[in-house]
């Protein structure tokens, strides 16, 4: 099987929030890359939707008080039911600024250590 992914995926359970249409849903990532995340949500999101994704990036499980949560737009690429009754959703980051790319790269580098 050929891996068509551009970015390396890192297994990481990161607390997150997904906002769409005035509603905010709690989520948790299963994995993360420079291009997006796979997240568990109670709700099912429509493919093609654009959401605001907020990731609570931590160091050693502790939220860094010197950094705001990592917030950016993401596109819902796919969604599927999980065995536990949640929904697994693939989110691709959109409109990522240079500062956001650098911050994400630092976080992913720490995950790989």
PDB file of N, CA and C in Angstrom:
ATOM      1  N   UNK A   1       0.843  -1.180   0.000  1.00  0.00           N
ATOM      2  CA  UNK A   1       0.000   0.000   0.000  1.00  0.00           C
ATOM      3  C   UNK A   1       0.893   1.249   0.000  1.00  0.00           C
ATOM      4  N   UNK A   2       0.601   2.194  -0.845  1.00  0.00           N
ATOM      5  CA  UNK A   2       1.388   3.410  -0.972  1.00  0.00           C
ATOM      6  C   UNK A   2       0.844   4.471  -0.021  1.00  0.00           C
ATOM      7  N   UNK A   3       1.744   5.114   0.738  1.00  0.00           N
ATOM      8  CA  UNK A   3       1.363   6.207   1.624  1.00  0.00           C
ATOM      9  C   UNK A   3       1.405   7.502   0.822  1.00  0.00           C
ATOM     10  N   UNK A   4       0.237   8.112   0.605  1.00  0.00           N
ATOM     11  CA  UNK A   4       0.145   9.330  -0.204  1.00  0.00           C
ATOM     12  C   UNK A   4       0.260  10.592   0.637  1.00  0.00           C
ATOM     13  N   UNK A   5       0.456  10.452   1.926  1.00  0.00           N
ATOM     14  CA  UNK A   5       0.535  11.620   2.800  1.00  0.00           C
ATOM     15  C   UNK A   5       1.819  12.395   2.549  1.00  0.00           C
ATOM     16  N   UNK A   6       1.686  13.705   2.565  1.00  0.00           N
ATOM     17  CA  UNK A   6       2.823  14.595   2.371  1.00  0.00           C
ATOM     18  C   UNK A   6       3.621  14.755   3.657  1.00  0.00           C
ATOM     19  N   UNK A   7       2.922  14.770   4.802  1.00  0.00           N
ATOM     20  CA  UNK A   7       3.550  15.067   6.090  1.00  0.00           C
ATOM     21  C   UNK A   7       3.547  13.847   6.998  1.00  0.00           C
ATOM     22  N   UNK A   8       4.609  13.720   7.778  1.00  0.00           N
ATOM     23  CA  UNK A   8       4.691  12.644   8.759  1.00  0.00           C
ATOM     24  C   UNK A   8       3.645  12.849   9.834  1.00  0.00           C
ATOM     25  N   UNK A   9       2.981  11.772  10.235  1.00  0.00           N
ATOM     26  CA  UNK A   9       1.978  11.817  11.296  1.00  0.00           C
ATOM     27  C   UNK A   9       2.609  11.417  12.623  1.00  0.00           C
ATOM     28  N   UNK A  10       2.174  12.112  13.683  1.00  0.00           N
ATOM     29  CA  UNK A  10       2.619  11.827  15.036  1.00  0.00           C
ATOM     30  C   UNK A  10       1.399  11.446  15.866  1.00  0.00           C
ATOM     31  N   UNK A  11       1.472  10.307  16.552  1.00  0.00           N
ATOM     32  CA  UNK A  11       0.385   9.907  17.442  1.00  0.00           C
ATOM     33  C   UNK A  11       0.378  10.856  18.633  1.00  0.00           C
ATOM     34  N   UNK A  12      -0.749  11.522  18.860  1.00  0.00           N
ATOM     35  CA  UNK A  12      -0.831  12.473  19.970  1.00  0.00           C
ATOM     36  C   UNK A  12      -2.283  12.730  20.334  1.00  0.00           C
ATOM     37  N   UNK A  13      -2.597  12.591  21.607  1.00  0.00           N
ATOM     38  CA  UNK A  13      -3.929  12.892  22.114  1.00  0.00           C
ATOM     39  C   UNK A  13      -3.902  14.308  22.676  1.00  0.00           C
ATOM     40  N   UNK A  14      -4.345  15.260  21.867  1.00  0.00           N
ATOM     41  CA  UNK A  14      -4.307  16.677  22.230  1.00  0.00           C
ATOM     42  C   UNK A  14      -5.739  17.168  22.400  1.00  0.00           C
ATOM     43  N   UNK A  15      -6.016  17.835  23.510  1.00  0.00           N
ATOM     44  CA  UNK A  15      -7.332  18.424  23.727  1.00  0.00           C
ATOM     45  C   UNK A  15      -7.564  19.497  22.668  1.00  0.00           C
ATOM     46  N   UNK A  16      -8.791  19.535  22.149  1.00  0.00           N
ATOM     47  CA  UNK A  16      -9.098  20.475  21.071  1.00  0.00           C
ATOM     48  C   UNK A  16     -10.547  20.923  21.162  1.00  0.00           C
ATOM     49  N   UNK A  17     -10.840  21.995  20.444  1.00  0.00           N
ATOM     50  CA  UNK A  17     -12.211  22.466  20.251  1.00  0.00           C
ATOM     51  C   UNK A  17     -12.409  22.717  18.765  1.00  0.00           C
ATOM     52  N   UNK A  18     -13.602  22.369  18.288  1.00  0.00           N
ATOM     53  CA  UNK A  18     -13.973  22.600  16.897  1.00  0.00           C
ATOM     54  C   UNK A  18     -15.193  23.517  16.904  1.00  0.00           C
ATOM     55  N   UNK A  19     -15.073  24.676  16.257  1.00  0.00           N
ATOM     56  CA  UNK A  19     -16.174  25.639  16.204  1.00  0.00           C
ATOM     57  C   UNK A  19     -16.700  25.718  14.778  1.00  0.00           C
ATOM     58  N   UNK A  20     -18.035  25.628  14.661  1.00  0.00           N
ATOM     59  CA  UNK A  20     -18.685  25.752  13.358  1.00  0.00           C
ATOM     60  C   UNK A  20     -20.113  26.248  13.564  1.00  0.00           C
ATOM     61  N   UNK A  21     -20.483  27.239  12.801  1.00  0.00           N
ATOM     62  CA  UNK A  21     -21.850  27.745  12.850  1.00  0.00           C
ATOM     63  C   UNK A  21     -22.314  28.190  14.221  1.00  0.00           C
ATOM     64  N   UNK A  22     -21.427  28.780  15.006  1.00  0.00           N
ATOM     65  CA  UNK A  22     -21.804  29.258  16.330  1.00  0.00           C
ATOM     66  C   UNK A  22     -21.745  28.198  17.416  1.00  0.00           C
ATOM     67  N   UNK A  23     -21.541  26.953  17.052  1.00  0.00           N
ATOM     68  CA  UNK A  23     -21.429  25.864  18.033  1.00  0.00           C
ATOM     69  C   UNK A  23     -19.957  25.512  18.242  1.00  0.00           C
ATOM     70  N   UNK A  24     -19.623  25.106  19.464  1.00  0.00           N
ATOM     71  CA  UNK A  24     -18.263  24.687  19.790  1.00  0.00           C
ATOM     72  C   UNK A  24     -18.332  23.277  20.364  1.00  0.00           C
ATOM     73  N   UNK A  25     -17.536  22.375  19.791  1.00  0.00           N
ATOM     74  CA  UNK A  25     -17.528  20.978  20.207  1.00  0.00           C
ATOM     75  C   UNK A  25     -16.157  20.598  20.763  1.00  0.00           C
ATOM     76  N   UNK A  26     -16.165  19.820  21.841  1.00  0.00           N
ATOM     77  CA  UNK A  26     -14.923  19.283  22.384  1.00  0.00           C
ATOM     78  C   UNK A  26     -14.438  18.161  21.482  1.00  0.00           C
ATOM     79  N   UNK A  27     -13.126  18.052  21.358  1.00  0.00           N
ATOM     80  CA  UNK A  27     -12.518  17.013  20.531  1.00  0.00           C
ATOM     81  C   UNK A  27     -11.194  16.609  21.136  1.00  0.00           C
ATOM     82  N   UNK A  28     -10.650  15.519  20.620  1.00  0.00           N
ATOM     83  CA  UNK A  28      -9.308  15.090  21.002  1.00  0.00           C
ATOM     84  C   UNK A  28      -8.651  14.493  19.768  1.00  0.00           C
ATOM     85  N   UNK A  29      -7.429  14.923  19.523  1.00  0.00           N
ATOM     86  CA  UNK A  29      -6.733  14.399  18.345  1.00  0.00           C
ATOM     87  C   UNK A  29      -6.284  12.962  18.591  1.00  0.00           C
ATOM     88  N   UNK A  30      -6.182  12.223  17.484  1.00  0.00           N
ATOM     89  CA  UNK A  30      -5.566  10.894  17.516  1.00  0.00           C
ATOM     90  C   UNK A  30      -4.146  11.004  16.985  1.00  0.00           C
ATOM     91  N   UNK A  31      -4.004  11.843  15.964  1.00  0.00           N
ATOM     92  CA  UNK A  31      -2.682  12.098  15.409  1.00  0.00           C
ATOM     93  C   UNK A  31      -2.666  13.490  14.812  1.00  0.00           C
ATOM     94  N   UNK A  32      -1.443  13.972  14.562  1.00  0.00           N
ATOM     95  CA  UNK A  32      -1.265  15.338  14.062  1.00  0.00           C
ATOM     96  C   UNK A  32      -0.070  15.363  13.117  1.00  0.00           C
ATOM     97  N   UNK A  33      -0.138  16.246  12.131  1.00  0.00           N
ATOM     98  CA  UNK A  33       0.984  16.459  11.212  1.00  0.00           C
ATOM     99  C   UNK A  33       1.048  17.951  10.907  1.00  0.00           C
ATOM    100  N   UNK A  34       1.999  18.342  10.075  1.00  0.00           N
ATOM    101  CA  UNK A  34       2.072  19.745   9.660  1.00  0.00           C
ATOM    102  C   UNK A  34       0.872  20.133   8.808  1.00  0.00           C
ATOM    103  N   UNK A  35       0.166  19.159   8.266  1.00  0.00           N
ATOM    104  CA  UNK A  35      -0.949  19.452   7.371  1.00  0.00           C
ATOM    105  C   UNK A  35      -2.330  19.316   7.959  1.00  0.00           C
ATOM    106  N   UNK A  36      -2.450  18.639   9.131  1.00  0.00           N
ATOM    107  CA  UNK A  36      -3.775  18.465   9.693  1.00  0.00           C
ATOM    108  C   UNK A  36      -3.793  17.503  10.862  1.00  0.00           C
ATOM    109  N   UNK A  37      -5.013  17.133  11.274  1.00  0.00           N
ATOM    110  CA  UNK A  37      -5.195  16.225  12.399  1.00  0.00           C
ATOM    111  C   UNK A  37      -6.308  15.234  12.096  1.00  0.00           C
ATOM    112  N   UNK A  38      -6.267  14.133  12.811  1.00  0.00           N
ATOM    113  CA  UNK A  38      -7.388  13.209  12.896  1.00  0.00           C
ATOM    114  C   UNK A  38      -7.918  13.379  14.309  1.00  0.00           C
ATOM    115  N   UNK A  39      -9.217  13.676  14.432  1.00  0.00           N
ATOM    116  CA  UNK A  39      -9.765  14.001  15.746  1.00  0.00           C
ATOM    117  C   UNK A  39     -11.021  13.186  16.039  1.00  0.00           C
ATOM    118  N   UNK A  40     -11.237  12.899  17.319  1.00  0.00           N
ATOM    119  CA  UNK A  40     -12.443  12.239  17.794  1.00  0.00           C
ATOM    120  C   UNK A  40     -13.418  13.298  18.291  1.00  0.00           C
ATOM    121  N   UNK A  41     -14.652  13.236  17.817  1.00  0.00           N
ATOM    122  CA  UNK A  41     -15.708  14.148  18.247  1.00  0.00           C
ATOM    123  C   UNK A  41     -16.974  13.347  18.510  1.00  0.00           C
ATOM    124  N   UNK A  42     -17.844  13.876  19.344  1.00  0.00           N
ATOM    125  CA  UNK A  42     -19.162  13.270  19.536  1.00  0.00           C
ATOM    126  C   UNK A  42     -20.033  13.521  18.305  1.00  0.00           C
ATOM    127  N   UNK A  43     -19.869  14.697  17.702  1.00  0.00           N
ATOM    128  CA  UNK A  43     -20.701  15.124  16.584  1.00  0.00           C
ATOM    129  C   UNK A  43     -20.105  14.664  15.254  1.00  0.00           C
ATOM    130  N   UNK A  44     -20.977  14.567  14.269  1.00  0.00           N
ATOM    131  CA  UNK A  44     -20.537  14.271  12.906  1.00  0.00           C
ATOM    132  C   UNK A  44     -20.540  15.580  12.124  1.00  0.00           C
ATOM    133  N   UNK A  45     -19.409  15.920  11.523  1.00  0.00           N
ATOM    134  CA  UNK A  45     -19.298  17.147  10.744  1.00  0.00           C
ATOM    135  C   UNK A  45     -19.427  16.826   9.264  1.00  0.00           C
ATOM    136  N   UNK A  46     -19.990  17.748   8.525  1.00  0.00           N
ATOM    137  CA  UNK A  46     -20.185  17.542   7.091  1.00  0.00           C
ATOM    138  C   UNK A  46     -18.873  17.730   6.335  1.00  0.00           C
ATOM    139  N   UNK A  47     -18.563  16.757   5.478  1.00  0.00           N
ATOM    140  CA  UNK A  47     -17.364  16.866   4.650  1.00  0.00           C
ATOM    141  C   UNK A  47     -17.424  18.138   3.823  1.00  0.00           C
ATOM    142  N   UNK A  48     -16.293  18.824   3.713  1.00  0.00           N
ATOM    143  CA  UNK A  48     -16.217  20.078   2.974  1.00  0.00           C
ATOM    144  C   UNK A  48     -16.451  21.302   3.831  1.00  0.00           C
ATOM    145  N   UNK A  49     -16.931  21.112   5.064  1.00  0.00           N
ATOM    146  CA  UNK A  49     -17.157  22.242   5.968  1.00  0.00           C
ATOM    147  C   UNK A  49     -15.823  22.860   6.380  1.00  0.00           C
ATOM    148  N   UNK A  50     -15.864  24.152   6.642  1.00  0.00           N
ATOM    149  CA  UNK A  50     -14.701  24.852   7.181  1.00  0.00           C
ATOM    150  C   UNK A  50     -14.999  25.135   8.648  1.00  0.00           C
ATOM    151  N   UNK A  51     -14.055  24.766   9.517  1.00  0.00           N
ATOM    152  CA  UNK A  51     -14.221  24.936  10.957  1.00  0.00           C
ATOM    153  C   UNK A  51     -13.059  25.750  11.509  1.00  0.00           C
ATOM    154  N   UNK A  52     -13.240  26.270  12.712  1.00  0.00           N
ATOM    155  CA  UNK A  52     -12.133  26.855  13.454  1.00  0.00           C
ATOM    156  C   UNK A  52     -11.687  25.803  14.449  1.00  0.00           C
ATOM    157  N   UNK A  53     -10.431  25.418  14.360  1.00  0.00           N
ATOM    158  CA  UNK A  53      -9.866  24.377  15.214  1.00  0.00           C
ATOM    159  C   UNK A  53      -8.938  25.034  16.227  1.00  0.00           C
ATOM    160  N   UNK A  54      -9.133  24.715  17.505  1.00  0.00           N
ATOM    161  CA  UNK A  54      -8.260  25.196  18.559  1.00  0.00           C
ATOM    162  C   UNK A  54      -7.614  23.987  19.217  1.00  0.00           C
ATOM    163  N   UNK A  55      -6.288  23.956  19.191  1.00  0.00           N
ATOM    164  CA  UNK A  55      -5.527  22.879  19.827  1.00  0.00           C
ATOM    165  C   UNK A  55      -4.881  23.416  21.088  1.00  0.00           C
ATOM    166  N   UNK A  56      -4.996  22.674  22.180  1.00  0.00           N
ATOM    167  CA  UNK A  56      -4.369  23.062  23.434  1.00  0.00           C
ATOM    168  C   UNK A  56      -3.023  22.340  23.473  1.00  0.00           C
ATOM    169  N   UNK A  57      -1.989  22.983  22.910  1.00  0.00           N
ATOM    170  CA  UNK A  57      -0.666  22.382  22.832  1.00  0.00           C
ATOM    171  C   UNK A  57      -0.011  22.429  24.204  1.00  0.00           C
ATOM    172  N   UNK A  58       0.514  21.303  24.629  1.00  0.00           N
ATOM    173  CA  UNK A  58       1.125  21.214  25.948  1.00  0.00           C
ATOM    174  C   UNK A  58       2.556  20.711  25.834  1.00  0.00           C
ATOM    175  N   UNK A  59       3.311  20.952  26.870  1.00  0.00           N
ATOM    176  CA  UNK A  59       4.657  20.393  27.009  1.00  0.00           C
ATOM    177  C   UNK A  59       4.617  19.485  28.227  1.00  0.00           C
ATOM    178  N   UNK A  60       4.892  18.223  28.032  1.00  0.00           N
ATOM    179  CA  UNK A  60       4.849  17.228  29.117  1.00  0.00           C
ATOM    180  C   UNK A  60       3.493  17.226  29.815  1.00  0.00           C
ATOM    181  N   UNK A  61       2.417  17.413  29.027  1.00  0.00           N
ATOM    182  CA  UNK A  61       1.074  17.364  29.578  1.00  0.00           C
ATOM    183  C   UNK A  61       0.614  18.619  30.274  1.00  0.00           C
ATOM    184  N   UNK A  62       1.433  19.666  30.269  1.00  0.00           N
ATOM    185  CA  UNK A  62       1.095  20.913  30.955  1.00  0.00           C
ATOM    186  C   UNK A  62       0.944  22.024  29.924  1.00  0.00           C
ATOM    187  N   UNK A  63      -0.198  22.737  29.996  1.00  0.00           N
ATOM    188  CA  UNK A  63      -0.422  23.858  29.082  1.00  0.00           C
ATOM    189  C   UNK A  63       0.570  24.973  29.387  1.00  0.00           C
ATOM    190  N   UNK A  64       1.178  25.508  28.348  1.00  0.00           N
ATOM    191  CA  UNK A  64       2.169  26.572  28.508  1.00  0.00           C
ATOM    192  C   UNK A  64       1.447  27.903  28.694  1.00  0.00           C
ATOM    193  N   UNK A  65       1.575  28.537  29.868  1.00  0.00           N
ATOM    194  CA  UNK A  65       0.868  29.798  30.113  1.00  0.00           C
ATOM    195  C   UNK A  65       1.400  30.950  29.256  1.00  0.00           C
ATOM    196  N   UNK A  66       2.576  30.780  28.657  1.00  0.00           N
ATOM    197  CA  UNK A  66       3.155  31.836  27.827  1.00  0.00           C
ATOM    198  C   UNK A  66       2.662  31.791  26.390  1.00  0.00           C
ATOM    199  N   UNK A  67       1.868  30.781  26.037  1.00  0.00           N
ATOM    200  CA  UNK A  67       1.376  30.659  24.666  1.00  0.00           C
ATOM    201  C   UNK A  67      -0.139  30.512  24.645  1.00  0.00           C
ATOM    202  N   UNK A  68      -0.751  31.220  23.736  1.00  0.00           N
ATOM    203  CA  UNK A  68      -2.177  31.073  23.515  1.00  0.00           C
ATOM    204  C   UNK A  68      -2.438  29.709  22.875  1.00  0.00           C
ATOM    205  N   UNK A  69      -3.640  29.165  23.007  1.00  0.00           N
ATOM    206  CA  UNK A  69      -3.959  27.938  22.279  1.00  0.00           C
ATOM    207  C   UNK A  69      -3.732  28.153  20.783  1.00  0.00           C
ATOM    208  N   UNK A  70      -3.436  27.088  20.088  1.00  0.00           N
ATOM    209  CA  UNK A  70      -3.131  27.117  18.655  1.00  0.00           C
ATOM    210  C   UNK A  70      -4.456  27.083  17.897  1.00  0.00           C
ATOM    211  N   UNK A  71      -4.804  28.187  17.221  1.00  0.00           N
ATOM    212  CA  UNK A  71      -6.100  28.294  16.548  1.00  0.00           C
ATOM    213  C   UNK A  71      -5.903  28.573  15.069  1.00  0.00           C
ATOM    214  N   UNK A  72      -6.631  27.833  14.232  1.00  0.00           N
ATOM    215  CA  UNK A  72      -6.577  28.053  12.792  1.00  0.00           C
ATOM    216  C   UNK A  72      -7.790  27.448  12.127  1.00  0.00           C
ATOM    217  N   UNK A  73      -7.978  27.787  10.855  1.00  0.00           N
ATOM    218  CA  UNK A  73      -9.072  27.214  10.082  1.00  0.00           C
ATOM    219  C   UNK A  73      -8.672  25.835   9.583  1.00  0.00           C
ATOM    220  N   UNK A  74      -9.674  24.966   9.449  1.00  0.00           N
ATOM    221  CA  UNK A  74      -9.425  23.632   8.913  1.00  0.00           C
ATOM    222  C   UNK A  74     -10.619  23.206   8.081  1.00  0.00           C
ATOM    223  N   UNK A  75     -10.351  22.370   7.092  1.00  0.00           N
ATOM    224  CA  UNK A  75     -11.379  21.842   6.213  1.00  0.00           C
ATOM    225  C   UNK A  75     -11.662  20.398   6.611  1.00  0.00           C
ATOM    226  N   UNK A  76     -12.943  20.057   6.749  1.00  0.00           N
ATOM    227  CA  UNK A  76     -13.326  18.676   7.057  1.00  0.00           C
ATOM    228  C   UNK A  76     -13.154  17.850   5.786  1.00  0.00           C
ATOM    229  N   UNK A  77     -12.157  16.958   5.792  1.00  0.00           N
ATOM    230  CA  UNK A  77     -11.847  16.148   4.614  1.00  0.00           C
ATOM    231  C   UNK A  77     -12.654  14.851   4.588  1.00  0.00           C
ATOM    232  N   UNK A  78     -12.874  14.264   5.760  1.00  0.00           N
ATOM    233  CA  UNK A  78     -13.627  13.021   5.860  1.00  0.00           C
ATOM    234  C   UNK A  78     -14.101  12.842   7.295  1.00  0.00           C
ATOM    235  N   UNK A  79     -15.097  11.992   7.461  1.00  0.00           N
ATOM    236  CA  UNK A  79     -15.580  11.639   8.793  1.00  0.00           C
ATOM    237  C   UNK A  79     -16.090  10.208   8.747  1.00  0.00           C
ATOM    238  N   UNK A  80     -15.902   9.478   9.844  1.00  0.00           N
ATOM    239  CA  UNK A  80     -16.320   8.084   9.912  1.00  0.00           C
ATOM    240  C   UNK A  80     -16.625   7.728  11.360  1.00  0.00           C
ATOM    241  N   UNK A  81     -17.567   6.825  11.586  1.00  0.00           N
ATOM    242  CA  UNK A  81     -17.846   6.407  12.964  1.00  0.00           C
ATOM    243  C   UNK A  81     -16.686   5.581  13.519  1.00  0.00           C
ATOM    244  N   UNK A  82     -16.446   5.730  14.828  1.00  0.00           N
ATOM    245  CA  UNK A  82     -15.409   4.930  15.489  1.00  0.00           C
ATOM    246  C   UNK A  82     -16.075   3.753  16.188  1.00  0.00           C
ATOM    247  N   UNK A  83     -15.285   2.805  16.622  1.00  0.00           N
ATOM    248  CA  UNK A  83     -15.809   1.638  17.334  1.00  0.00           C
ATOM    249  C   UNK A  83     -16.411   2.015  18.681  1.00  0.00           C
ATOM    250  N   UNK A  84     -15.967   3.141  19.239  1.00  0.00           N
ATOM    251  CA  UNK A  84     -16.449   3.575  20.562  1.00  0.00           C
ATOM    252  C   UNK A  84     -17.691   4.452  20.479  1.00  0.00           C
ATOM    253  N   UNK A  85     -18.250   4.656  19.294  1.00  0.00           N
ATOM    254  CA  UNK A  85     -19.453   5.461  19.154  1.00  0.00           C
ATOM    255  C   UNK A  85     -19.208   6.935  18.908  1.00  0.00           C
ATOM    256  N   UNK A  86     -17.952   7.330  18.756  1.00  0.00           N
ATOM    257  CA  UNK A  86     -17.619   8.712  18.415  1.00  0.00           C
ATOM    258  C   UNK A  86     -17.522   8.830  16.895  1.00  0.00           C
ATOM    259  N   UNK A  87     -17.090   9.979  16.442  1.00  0.00           N
ATOM    260  CA  UNK A  87     -16.802  10.184  15.030  1.00  0.00           C
ATOM    261  C   UNK A  87     -15.331  10.553  14.893  1.00  0.00           C
ATOM    262  N   UNK A  88     -14.658   9.889  13.975  1.00  0.00           N
ATOM    263  CA  UNK A  88     -13.279  10.230  13.660  1.00  0.00           C
ATOM    264  C   UNK A  88     -13.343  11.159  12.464  1.00  0.00           C
ATOM    265  N   UNK A  89     -12.689  12.309  12.564  1.00  0.00           N
ATOM    266  CA  UNK A  89     -12.773  13.334  11.526  1.00  0.00           C
ATOM    267  C   UNK A  89     -11.381  13.745  11.094  1.00  0.00           C
ATOM    268  N   UNK A  90     -11.157  13.766   9.792  1.00  0.00           N
ATOM    269  CA  UNK A  90      -9.896  14.234   9.243  1.00  0.00           C
ATOM    270  C   UNK A  90     -10.005  15.706   8.899  1.00  0.00           C
ATOM    271  N   UNK A  91      -9.152  16.517   9.491  1.00  0.00           N
ATOM    272  CA  UNK A  91      -9.168  17.967   9.290  1.00  0.00           C
ATOM    273  C   UNK A  91      -7.859  18.414   8.664  1.00  0.00           C
ATOM    274  N   UNK A  92      -7.942  19.132   7.553  1.00  0.00           N
ATOM    275  CA  UNK A  92      -6.752  19.677   6.887  1.00  0.00           C
ATOM    276  C   UNK A  92      -6.655  21.161   7.219  1.00  0.00           C
ATOM    277  N   UNK A  93      -5.474  21.566   7.714  1.00  0.00           N
ATOM    278  CA  UNK A  93      -5.264  22.965   8.058  1.00  0.00           C
ATOM    279  C   UNK A  93      -5.353  23.844   6.811  1.00  0.00           C
ATOM    280  N   UNK A  94      -5.900  25.054   6.982  1.00  0.00           N
ATOM    281  CA  UNK A  94      -6.024  26.030   5.898  1.00  0.00           C
ATOM    282  C   UNK A  94      -5.425  27.355   6.346  1.00  0.00           C
ATOM    283  N   UNK A  95      -4.918  28.108   5.384  1.00  0.00           N
ATOM    284  CA  UNK A  95      -4.449  29.477   5.629  1.00  0.00           C
ATOM    285  C   UNK A  95      -3.504  29.562   6.827  1.00  0.00           C
ATOM    286  N   UNK A  96      -2.519  28.682   6.882  1.00  0.00           N
ATOM    287  CA  UNK A  96      -1.580  28.634   7.995  1.00  0.00           C
ATOM    288  C   UNK A  96      -0.517  29.721   7.801  1.00  0.00           C
ATOM    289  N   UNK A  97      -0.384  30.587   8.789  1.00  0.00           N
ATOM    290  CA  UNK A  97       0.611  31.654   8.711  1.00  0.00           C
ATOM    291  C   UNK A  97       2.007  31.085   8.956  1.00  0.00           C
ATOM    292  N   UNK A  98       3.027  31.844   8.619  1.00  0.00           N
ATOM    293  CA  UNK A  98       4.408  31.433   8.862  1.00  0.00           C
ATOM    294  C   UNK A  98       4.644  31.216  10.349  1.00  0.00           C
ATOM    295  N   UNK A  99       4.121  32.102  11.181  1.00  0.00           N
ATOM    296  CA  UNK A  99       4.262  31.969  12.635  1.00  0.00           C
ATOM    297  C   UNK A  99       3.607  30.670  13.124  1.00  0.00           C
ATOM    298  N   UNK A 100       2.420  30.361  12.613  1.00  0.00           N
ATOM    299  CA  UNK A 100       1.740  29.130  12.997  1.00  0.00           C
ATOM    300  C   UNK A 100       2.531  27.905  12.538  1.00  0.00           C
ATOM    301  N   UNK A 101       3.065  27.944  11.317  1.00  0.00           N
ATOM    302  CA  UNK A 101       3.874  26.828  10.809  1.00  0.00           C
ATOM    303  C   UNK A 101       5.078  26.588  11.705  1.00  0.00           C
ATOM    304  N   UNK A 102       5.742  27.662  12.114  1.00  0.00           N
ATOM    305  CA  UNK A 102       6.925  27.539  12.962  1.00  0.00           C
ATOM    306  C   UNK A 102       6.561  26.977  14.339  1.00  0.00           C
ATOM    307  N   UNK A 103       5.471  27.454  14.898  1.00  0.00           N
ATOM    308  CA  UNK A 103       5.042  26.970  16.217  1.00  0.00           C
ATOM    309  C   UNK A 103       4.666  25.488  16.144  1.00  0.00           C
ATOM    310  N   UNK A 104       3.953  25.112  15.105  1.00  0.00           N
ATOM    311  CA  UNK A 104       3.562  23.720  14.936  1.00  0.00           C
ATOM    312  C   UNK A 104       4.796  22.834  14.733  1.00  0.00           C
ATOM    313  N   UNK A 105       5.746  23.298  13.939  1.00  0.00           N
ATOM    314  CA  UNK A 105       6.978  22.527  13.705  1.00  0.00           C
ATOM    315  C   UNK A 105       7.738  22.313  15.016  1.00  0.00           C
ATOM    316  N   UNK A 106       7.799  23.325  15.874  1.00  0.00           N
ATOM    317  CA  UNK A 106       8.472  23.173  17.174  1.00  0.00           C
ATOM    318  C   UNK A 106       7.747  22.133  18.035  1.00  0.00           C
ATOM    319  N   UNK A 107       6.407  22.187  18.037  1.00  0.00           N
ATOM    320  CA  UNK A 107       5.621  21.237  18.820  1.00  0.00           C
ATOM    321  C   UNK A 107       5.829  19.819  18.295  1.00  0.00           C
ATOM    322  N   UNK A 108       5.786  19.629  16.982  1.00  0.00           N
ATOM    323  CA  UNK A 108       5.958  18.296  16.402  1.00  0.00           C
ATOM    324  C   UNK A 108       7.374  17.772  16.660  1.00  0.00           C
ATOM    325  N   UNK A 109       8.349  18.659  16.632  1.00  0.00           N
ATOM    326  CA  UNK A 109       9.724  18.257  16.918  1.00  0.00           C
ATOM    327  C   UNK A 109       9.834  17.724  18.348  1.00  0.00           C
ATOM    328  N   UNK A 110       9.147  18.375  19.278  1.00  0.00           N
ATOM    329  CA  UNK A 110       9.161  17.911  20.666  1.00  0.00           C
ATOM    330  C   UNK A 110       8.470  16.548  20.789  1.00  0.00           C
ATOM    331  N   UNK A 111       7.435  16.303  19.976  1.00  0.00           N
ATOM    332  CA  UNK A 111       6.743  15.014  20.007  1.00  0.00           C
ATOM    333  C   UNK A 111       7.647  13.882  19.542  1.00  0.00           C
ATOM    334  N   UNK A 112       8.529  14.183  18.608  1.00  0.00           N
ATOM    335  CA  UNK A 112       9.369  13.132  18.022  1.00  0.00           C
ATOM    336  C   UNK A 112      10.581  12.800  18.882  1.00  0.00           C
ATOM    337  N   UNK A 113      10.812  13.572  19.941  1.00  0.00           N
ATOM    338  CA  UNK A 113      11.988  13.314  20.803  1.00  0.00           C
ATOM    339  C   UNK A 113      11.732  12.171  21.747  1.00  0.00           C
TER     340      UNK A 113
END
